[in-house]
Amino acid sequence: MQRRVLATKERIYSSIIEELKKAPLTEITDRNIISKAQVSSGTFYKYFRNHTDALRELENNLLKDYSFVLNSDLKYWHVDKLTMDSNSVKLIQNNLNNTFKF
């Protein structure tokens, strides 16, 4: 994805987070987010159907990033030094992955 697109989406995501700090989700509107992100409505709707769609993408990105970090850190958890066979280690990894997919 182009840097410009990523930067625009990051501004939108940040705006969503800021709006959620001030008001419940039911009170947030597309217009609030567009104004806070300082993007045109055309730009916003180019990437998202509405603020709920943008929030869903933000949540998915956060979970993917969190999952990546946890999987990266798994090697430092010293699971391999425990008295577990490889099936147990795979079970732990699968459970972590399933948790994030949920």
C-alpha atoms as a PDB file:
ATOM      1  CA  MET A   1       0.000   0.000   0.000  1.00  0.00           C
ATOM      2  CA  GLN A   2       1.243   3.484  -0.752  1.00  0.00           C
ATOM      3  CA  ARG A   3       2.610   5.623   2.041  1.00  0.00           C
ATOM      4  CA  ARG A   4       0.010   8.274   1.406  1.00  0.00           C
ATOM      5  CA  VAL A   5      -2.843   5.777   1.754  1.00  0.00           C
ATOM      6  CA  LEU A   6      -1.318   4.371   4.942  1.00  0.00           C
ATOM      7  CA  ALA A   7      -0.847   7.852   6.393  1.00  0.00           C
ATOM      8  CA  THR A   8      -4.458   8.759   5.589  1.00  0.00           C
ATOM      9  CA  LYS A   9      -5.794   5.570   7.137  1.00  0.00           C
ATOM     10  CA  GLU A  10      -3.622   6.119  10.216  1.00  0.00           C
ATOM     11  CA  ARG A  11      -5.133   9.601  10.644  1.00  0.00           C
ATOM     12  CA  ILE A  12      -8.599   8.087  10.375  1.00  0.00           C
ATOM     13  CA  TYR A  13      -7.741   5.338  12.875  1.00  0.00           C
ATOM     14  CA  SER A  14      -6.302   7.891  15.305  1.00  0.00           C
ATOM     15  CA  SER A  15      -9.434   9.974  14.957  1.00  0.00           C
ATOM     16  CA  ILE A  16     -11.602   6.974  15.772  1.00  0.00           C
ATOM     17  CA  ILE A  17      -9.584   6.307  18.903  1.00  0.00           C
ATOM     18  CA  GLU A  18      -9.785   9.957  19.961  1.00  0.00           C
ATOM     19  CA  GLU A  19     -13.539  10.041  19.377  1.00  0.00           C
ATOM     20  CA  LEU A  20     -14.005   6.813  21.369  1.00  0.00           C
ATOM     21  CA  LYS A  21     -12.190   8.446  24.289  1.00  0.00           C
ATOM     22  CA  LYS A  22     -14.757  11.244  24.289  1.00  0.00           C
ATOM     23  CA  ALA A  23     -18.013   9.480  23.499  1.00  0.00           C
ATOM     24  CA  PRO A  24     -19.577   6.028  23.259  1.00  0.00           C
ATOM     25  CA  LEU A  25     -19.601   4.321  19.874  1.00  0.00           C
ATOM     26  CA  THR A  26     -23.316   4.999  19.450  1.00  0.00           C
ATOM     27  CA  GLU A  27     -22.659   8.758  19.489  1.00  0.00           C
ATOM     28  CA  ILE A  28     -19.778   8.766  17.009  1.00  0.00           C
ATOM     29  CA  THR A  29     -20.543   9.707  13.434  1.00  0.00           C
ATOM     30  CA  ASP A  30     -18.685   9.512  10.157  1.00  0.00           C
ATOM     31  CA  ARG A  31     -18.679  13.305  10.106  1.00  0.00           C
ATOM     32  CA  ASN A  32     -16.913  13.500  13.504  1.00  0.00           C
ATOM     33  CA  ILE A  33     -14.162  11.200  12.321  1.00  0.00           C
ATOM     34  CA  ILE A  34     -13.787  12.911   8.944  1.00  0.00           C
ATOM     35  CA  SER A  35     -13.475  16.293  10.622  1.00  0.00           C
ATOM     36  CA  LYS A  36     -11.015  15.084  13.270  1.00  0.00           C
ATOM     37  CA  ALA A  37      -8.860  13.264  10.671  1.00  0.00           C
ATOM     38  CA  GLN A  38      -8.917  16.329   8.411  1.00  0.00           C
ATOM     39  CA  VAL A  39      -9.752  14.287   5.327  1.00  0.00           C
ATOM     40  CA  SER A  40     -12.449  14.886   2.766  1.00  0.00           C
ATOM     41  CA  SER A  41     -15.596  12.801   2.933  1.00  0.00           C
ATOM     42  CA  GLY A  42     -14.712  11.443  -0.521  1.00  0.00           C
ATOM     43  CA  THR A  43     -11.383  10.208   0.799  1.00  0.00           C
ATOM     44  CA  PHE A  44     -13.005   8.619   3.833  1.00  0.00           C
ATOM     45  CA  TYR A  45     -15.638   6.827   1.754  1.00  0.00           C
ATOM     46  CA  LYS A  46     -13.016   5.730  -0.757  1.00  0.00           C
ATOM     47  CA  TYR A  47     -11.558   3.469   1.945  1.00  0.00           C
ATOM     48  CA  PHE A  48     -14.528   2.779   4.251  1.00  0.00           C
ATOM     49  CA  ARG A  49     -18.307   2.389   3.963  1.00  0.00           C
ATOM     50  CA  ASN A  50     -18.827   4.101   7.328  1.00  0.00           C
ATOM     51  CA  HIS A  51     -17.195   4.579  10.715  1.00  0.00           C
ATOM     52  CA  THR A  52     -18.185   1.061  11.798  1.00  0.00           C
ATOM     53  CA  ASP A  53     -16.331  -0.380   8.810  1.00  0.00           C
ATOM     54  CA  ALA A  54     -13.275   1.734   9.681  1.00  0.00           C
ATOM     55  CA  LEU A  55     -13.443   0.609  13.309  1.00  0.00           C
ATOM     56  CA  ARG A  56     -13.684  -3.039  12.244  1.00  0.00           C
ATOM     57  CA  GLU A  57     -10.571  -2.662  10.072  1.00  0.00           C
ATOM     58  CA  LEU A  58      -8.735  -0.917  12.911  1.00  0.00           C
ATOM     59  CA  GLU A  59      -9.627  -3.741  15.305  1.00  0.00           C
ATOM     60  CA  ASN A  60      -8.526  -6.390  12.803  1.00  0.00           C
ATOM     61  CA  ASN A  61      -5.208  -4.620  12.236  1.00  0.00           C
ATOM     62  CA  LEU A  62      -4.589  -4.348  15.972  1.00  0.00           C
ATOM     63  CA  LEU A  63      -5.344  -8.038  16.489  1.00  0.00           C
ATOM     64  CA  LYS A  64      -3.082  -9.045  13.588  1.00  0.00           C
ATOM     65  CA  ASP A  65      -0.250  -6.937  14.987  1.00  0.00           C
ATOM     66  CA  TYR A  66      -0.798  -8.298  18.484  1.00  0.00           C
ATOM     67  CA  SER A  67      -0.854 -11.850  17.180  1.00  0.00           C
ATOM     68  CA  PHE A  68       2.369 -11.273  15.253  1.00  0.00           C
ATOM     69  CA  VAL A  69       4.101  -9.899  18.339  1.00  0.00           C
ATOM     70  CA  LEU A  70       2.929 -12.763  20.544  1.00  0.00           C
ATOM     71  CA  ASN A  71       3.995 -15.354  17.990  1.00  0.00           C
ATOM     72  CA  SER A  72       7.364 -13.638  17.673  1.00  0.00           C
ATOM     73  CA  ASP A  73       7.745 -13.640  21.437  1.00  0.00           C
ATOM     74  CA  LEU A  74       6.747 -17.282  21.728  1.00  0.00           C
ATOM     75  CA  LYS A  75      10.333 -18.359  21.170  1.00  0.00           C
ATOM     76  CA  TYR A  76      11.336 -16.334  24.238  1.00  0.00           C
ATOM     77  CA  TRP A  77       8.735 -17.956  26.445  1.00  0.00           C
ATOM     78  CA  HIS A  78      11.060 -20.936  26.768  1.00  0.00           C
ATOM     79  CA  VAL A  79       8.257 -23.314  25.978  1.00  0.00           C
ATOM     80  CA  ASP A  80      10.816 -25.570  24.338  1.00  0.00           C
ATOM     81  CA  LYS A  81      12.729 -25.897  27.623  1.00  0.00           C
ATOM     82  CA  LEU A  82       9.720 -27.266  29.437  1.00  0.00           C
ATOM     83  CA  THR A  83       9.242 -30.981  29.509  1.00  0.00           C
ATOM     84  CA  MET A  84       6.736 -30.953  26.693  1.00  0.00           C
ATOM     85  CA  ASP A  85       6.764 -32.859  23.507  1.00  0.00           C
ATOM     86  CA  SER A  86       6.395 -31.130  20.151  1.00  0.00           C
ATOM     87  CA  ASN A  87       2.660 -31.892  20.104  1.00  0.00           C
ATOM     88  CA  SER A  88       2.165 -29.892  23.291  1.00  0.00           C
ATOM     89  CA  VAL A  89       4.087 -26.942  21.881  1.00  0.00           C
ATOM     90  CA  LYS A  90       1.986 -27.079  18.694  1.00  0.00           C
ATOM     91  CA  LEU A  91      -1.173 -27.230  20.793  1.00  0.00           C
ATOM     92  CA  ILE A  92      -0.159 -24.070  22.656  1.00  0.00           C
ATOM     93  CA  GLN A  93       0.623 -22.283  19.389  1.00  0.00           C
ATOM     94  CA  ASN A  94      -2.669 -23.396  17.830  1.00  0.00           C
ATOM     95  CA  ASN A  95      -4.614 -22.234  20.871  1.00  0.00           C
ATOM     96  CA  LEU A  96      -2.964 -18.828  20.677  1.00  0.00           C
ATOM     97  CA  ASN A  97      -3.747 -18.570  16.975  1.00  0.00           C
ATOM     98  CA  ASN A  98      -7.350 -19.651  17.511  1.00  0.00           C
ATOM     99  CA  THR A  99      -7.769 -17.094  20.255  1.00  0.00           C
ATOM    100  CA  PHE A 100      -6.707 -14.305  17.907  1.00  0.00           C
ATOM    101  CA  LYS A 101      -8.835 -15.584  15.054  1.00  0.00           C
ATOM    102  CA  PHE A 102     -11.826 -15.441  17.384  1.00  0.00           C
END
